[in-house]
Amino acid sequence: MISLITVRNTVRDAKVISFSQLRKHLKCETRWLSALLDELILRGKVEKCDSPPSLACGKHCQNCQTQATDTVYKWCENKIAISLC
């Protein structure tokens, strides 16, 4: 079974990666990978891109080789988290 750290490192190294690329690279079950990505999103390490794959890389092509229905994830740890208490 794949670990959260492995998924984190893979997305971090890729900077931008589609779900299908990640699943193929890690050879992981879809539901488990989705759960791990959701946890990384909650922790603020990964962001799910809402834009089409062709625009997910900052509006320039990175040869993501994604399909229109494939979800794209971006590494975003460098963002500053602000907590409003």
N, C-alpha and C. Protein backbone atom coordinates (compact mmCIF):
# COMPACT_ATOMS: atom_id res chain seq x y z
N MET A 1 0.85 -1.18 0.00
CA MET A 1 0.00 0.00 0.00
C MET A 1 0.90 1.24 0.00
N ILE A 2 0.51 2.21 -0.77
CA ILE A 2 1.29 3.44 -0.95
C ILE A 2 1.07 4.37 0.25
N SER A 3 2.08 5.13 0.63
CA SER A 3 1.97 6.01 1.79
C SER A 3 1.69 7.45 1.38
N LEU A 4 1.24 8.23 2.35
CA LEU A 4 0.99 9.65 2.14
C LEU A 4 2.28 10.37 1.74
N ILE A 5 3.38 9.98 2.35
CA ILE A 5 4.67 10.61 2.04
C ILE A 5 5.08 10.35 0.59
N THR A 6 4.83 9.16 0.11
CA THR A 6 5.17 8.83 -1.28
C THR A 6 4.35 9.66 -2.25
N VAL A 7 3.06 9.80 -1.98
CA VAL A 7 2.20 10.62 -2.84
C VAL A 7 2.65 12.08 -2.77
N ARG A 8 2.93 12.56 -1.55
CA ARG A 8 3.39 13.94 -1.38
C ARG A 8 4.67 14.19 -2.18
N ASN A 9 5.62 13.31 -2.07
CA ASN A 9 6.90 13.48 -2.76
C ASN A 9 6.73 13.43 -4.28
N THR A 10 5.86 12.57 -4.75
CA THR A 10 5.63 12.45 -6.19
C THR A 10 5.01 13.73 -6.75
N VAL A 11 3.99 14.26 -6.07
CA VAL A 11 3.36 15.51 -6.54
C VAL A 11 4.34 16.66 -6.42
N ARG A 12 5.10 16.72 -5.33
CA ARG A 12 6.08 17.79 -5.13
C ARG A 12 7.13 17.78 -6.23
N ASP A 13 7.63 16.62 -6.57
CA ASP A 13 8.66 16.51 -7.60
C ASP A 13 8.13 16.87 -8.99
N ALA A 14 6.87 16.50 -9.25
CA ALA A 14 6.27 16.77 -10.56
C ALA A 14 5.80 18.22 -10.69
N LYS A 15 5.50 18.87 -9.59
CA LYS A 15 4.93 20.23 -9.54
C LYS A 15 3.48 20.25 -10.01
N VAL A 16 3.20 19.67 -11.17
CA VAL A 16 1.84 19.56 -11.71
C VAL A 16 1.71 18.15 -12.28
N ILE A 17 0.63 17.45 -11.88
CA ILE A 17 0.46 16.07 -12.35
C ILE A 17 -1.03 15.73 -12.38
N SER A 18 -1.42 14.96 -13.36
CA SER A 18 -2.82 14.54 -13.45
C SER A 18 -3.04 13.30 -12.58
N PHE A 19 -4.30 13.07 -12.27
CA PHE A 19 -4.65 11.90 -11.45
C PHE A 19 -4.24 10.61 -12.14
N SER A 20 -4.51 10.52 -13.43
CA SER A 20 -4.18 9.28 -14.15
C SER A 20 -2.67 9.07 -14.23
N GLN A 21 -1.89 10.13 -14.40
CA GLN A 21 -0.43 10.00 -14.40
C GLN A 21 0.06 9.53 -13.04
N LEU A 22 -0.49 10.10 -12.00
CA LEU A 22 -0.10 9.75 -10.63
C LEU A 22 -0.45 8.29 -10.33
N ARG A 23 -1.65 7.90 -10.71
CA ARG A 23 -2.10 6.52 -10.48
C ARG A 23 -1.24 5.53 -11.24
N LYS A 24 -0.91 5.86 -12.48
CA LYS A 24 -0.07 4.98 -13.29
C LYS A 24 1.35 4.89 -12.71
N HIS A 25 1.89 6.00 -12.28
CA HIS A 25 3.25 6.04 -11.73
C HIS A 25 3.35 5.26 -10.41
N LEU A 26 2.34 5.43 -9.55
CA LEU A 26 2.38 4.80 -8.23
C LEU A 26 1.77 3.40 -8.20
N LYS A 27 1.05 3.06 -9.26
CA LYS A 27 0.36 1.75 -9.33
C LYS A 27 -0.50 1.54 -8.08
N CYS A 28 -1.40 2.48 -7.88
CA CYS A 28 -2.20 2.53 -6.66
C CYS A 28 -3.69 2.45 -6.98
N GLU A 29 -4.46 1.93 -6.04
CA GLU A 29 -5.91 1.86 -6.18
C GLU A 29 -6.50 3.27 -6.19
N THR A 30 -7.47 3.48 -7.04
CA THR A 30 -8.07 4.80 -7.24
C THR A 30 -8.62 5.40 -5.96
N ARG A 31 -9.39 4.64 -5.20
CA ARG A 31 -10.01 5.19 -3.97
C ARG A 31 -8.97 5.56 -2.92
N TRP A 32 -7.94 4.73 -2.78
CA TRP A 32 -6.90 5.01 -1.80
C TRP A 32 -6.12 6.26 -2.19
N LEU A 33 -5.78 6.38 -3.47
CA LEU A 33 -5.05 7.54 -3.95
C LEU A 33 -5.88 8.81 -3.77
N SER A 34 -7.16 8.74 -4.03
CA SER A 34 -8.05 9.89 -3.84
C SER A 34 -8.08 10.32 -2.37
N ALA A 35 -8.13 9.35 -1.47
CA ALA A 35 -8.14 9.65 -0.04
C ALA A 35 -6.84 10.34 0.39
N LEU A 36 -5.72 9.86 -0.11
CA LEU A 36 -4.43 10.47 0.23
C LEU A 36 -4.31 11.88 -0.35
N LEU A 37 -4.78 12.07 -1.57
CA LEU A 37 -4.75 13.41 -2.17
C LEU A 37 -5.66 14.37 -1.40
N ASP A 38 -6.82 13.89 -0.96
CA ASP A 38 -7.72 14.72 -0.16
C ASP A 38 -7.05 15.16 1.14
N GLU A 39 -6.29 14.26 1.76
CA GLU A 39 -5.57 14.61 2.98
C GLU A 39 -4.50 15.67 2.71
N LEU A 40 -3.79 15.54 1.60
CA LEU A 40 -2.77 16.54 1.25
C LEU A 40 -3.41 17.89 0.92
N ILE A 41 -4.59 17.86 0.35
CA ILE A 41 -5.33 19.11 0.08
C ILE A 41 -5.72 19.76 1.40
N LEU A 42 -6.22 18.98 2.36
CA LEU A 42 -6.59 19.50 3.68
C LEU A 42 -5.39 20.12 4.40
N ARG A 43 -4.23 19.54 4.22
CA ARG A 43 -3.01 20.04 4.85
C ARG A 43 -2.41 21.23 4.12
N GLY A 44 -2.97 21.58 2.96
CA GLY A 44 -2.49 22.73 2.21
C GLY A 44 -1.25 22.47 1.38
N LYS A 45 -0.92 21.21 1.15
CA LYS A 45 0.28 20.86 0.39
C LYS A 45 -0.01 20.74 -1.11
N VAL A 46 -1.24 20.37 -1.44
CA VAL A 46 -1.63 20.11 -2.82
C VAL A 46 -2.91 20.87 -3.11
N GLU A 47 -3.03 21.32 -4.35
CA GLU A 47 -4.23 22.03 -4.78
C GLU A 47 -4.82 21.31 -5.98
N LYS A 48 -6.13 21.14 -5.97
CA LYS A 48 -6.84 20.54 -7.09
C LYS A 48 -7.16 21.65 -8.07
N CYS A 49 -6.75 21.50 -9.30
CA CYS A 49 -6.96 22.54 -10.31
C CYS A 49 -8.37 22.45 -10.88
N ASP A 50 -9.06 23.56 -10.88
CA ASP A 50 -10.40 23.60 -11.43
C ASP A 50 -10.41 23.95 -12.91
N SER A 51 -9.30 24.49 -13.40
CA SER A 51 -9.23 24.85 -14.81
C SER A 51 -8.97 23.61 -15.66
N PRO A 52 -9.25 23.70 -16.96
CA PRO A 52 -8.98 22.56 -17.83
C PRO A 52 -7.49 22.20 -17.80
N PRO A 53 -7.15 20.93 -18.04
CA PRO A 53 -5.75 20.50 -17.99
C PRO A 53 -4.81 21.36 -18.81
N SER A 54 -5.27 21.87 -19.94
CA SER A 54 -4.39 22.68 -20.78
C SER A 54 -4.04 24.01 -20.13
N LEU A 55 -4.83 24.45 -19.14
CA LEU A 55 -4.57 25.72 -18.46
C LEU A 55 -4.04 25.54 -17.05
N ALA A 56 -3.97 24.31 -16.56
CA ALA A 56 -3.62 24.05 -15.17
C ALA A 56 -2.18 24.40 -14.84
N CYS A 57 -1.35 24.50 -15.82
CA CYS A 57 0.08 24.74 -15.59
C CYS A 57 0.43 26.22 -15.68
N GLY A 58 -0.50 27.08 -15.39
CA GLY A 58 -0.23 28.51 -15.47
C GLY A 58 -0.42 29.04 -16.88
N LYS A 59 -1.35 28.46 -17.60
CA LYS A 59 -1.73 28.87 -18.94
C LYS A 59 -0.62 28.70 -19.97
N HIS A 60 0.26 27.74 -19.74
CA HIS A 60 1.22 27.35 -20.78
C HIS A 60 1.44 25.84 -20.70
N CYS A 61 1.67 25.25 -21.83
CA CYS A 61 1.73 23.79 -21.91
C CYS A 61 2.98 23.23 -21.25
N GLN A 62 2.77 22.21 -20.42
CA GLN A 62 3.87 21.48 -19.78
C GLN A 62 3.86 20.03 -20.25
N ASN A 63 3.17 19.78 -21.36
CA ASN A 63 3.03 18.42 -21.88
C ASN A 63 2.49 17.45 -20.84
N CYS A 64 1.42 17.86 -20.17
CA CYS A 64 0.82 17.04 -19.11
C CYS A 64 0.22 15.75 -19.65
N GLN A 65 -0.15 15.74 -20.92
CA GLN A 65 -0.76 14.58 -21.55
C GLN A 65 -1.99 14.12 -20.78
N THR A 66 -2.83 15.04 -20.46
CA THR A 66 -4.06 14.72 -19.73
C THR A 66 -5.25 14.78 -20.66
N GLN A 67 -6.31 14.09 -20.25
CA GLN A 67 -7.56 14.16 -20.98
C GLN A 67 -8.41 15.25 -20.35
N ALA A 68 -9.40 15.71 -21.07
CA ALA A 68 -10.24 16.81 -20.59
C ALA A 68 -10.95 16.48 -19.28
N THR A 69 -11.22 15.21 -19.01
CA THR A 69 -11.94 14.83 -17.79
C THR A 69 -11.00 14.47 -16.65
N ASP A 70 -9.70 14.48 -16.88
CA ASP A 70 -8.72 14.09 -15.88
C ASP A 70 -8.44 15.25 -14.92
N THR A 71 -8.47 14.98 -13.62
CA THR A 71 -8.20 16.00 -12.62
C THR A 71 -6.69 16.24 -12.53
N VAL A 72 -6.33 17.51 -12.40
CA VAL A 72 -4.92 17.89 -12.30
C VAL A 72 -4.65 18.43 -10.90
N TYR A 73 -3.51 18.06 -10.34
CA TYR A 73 -3.11 18.49 -9.01
C TYR A 73 -1.81 19.26 -9.09
N LYS A 74 -1.70 20.31 -8.27
CA LYS A 74 -0.50 21.15 -8.23
C LYS A 74 0.08 21.15 -6.83
N TRP A 75 1.39 21.16 -6.74
CA TRP A 75 2.09 21.30 -5.48
C TRP A 75 2.01 22.76 -5.07
N CYS A 76 1.67 23.06 -3.83
CA CYS A 76 1.49 24.46 -3.44
C CYS A 76 1.98 24.75 -2.03
N GLU A 77 2.97 24.03 -1.56
CA GLU A 77 3.45 24.24 -0.20
C GLU A 77 4.06 25.62 0.01
N ASN A 78 4.53 26.24 -1.05
CA ASN A 78 5.18 27.54 -0.92
C ASN A 78 4.21 28.68 -0.61
N LYS A 79 2.92 28.39 -0.67
CA LYS A 79 1.94 29.41 -0.32
C LYS A 79 1.92 29.64 1.17
N ILE A 80 1.60 30.85 1.59
CA ILE A 80 1.54 31.19 3.01
C ILE A 80 0.12 30.99 3.49
N ALA A 81 -0.03 30.19 4.53
CA ALA A 81 -1.34 29.93 5.11
C ALA A 81 -1.61 30.97 6.20
N ILE A 82 -2.78 31.61 6.12
CA ILE A 82 -3.16 32.62 7.11
C ILE A 82 -4.35 32.07 7.88
N SER A 83 -4.21 32.03 9.18
CA SER A 83 -5.27 31.53 10.04
C SER A 83 -5.97 32.70 10.70
N LEU A 84 -7.29 32.73 10.56
CA LEU A 84 -8.10 33.78 11.20
C LEU A 84 -8.77 33.19 12.43
N CYS A 85 -8.28 33.55 13.59
CA CYS A 85 -8.82 33.00 14.84
C CYS A 85 -9.84 33.90 15.44
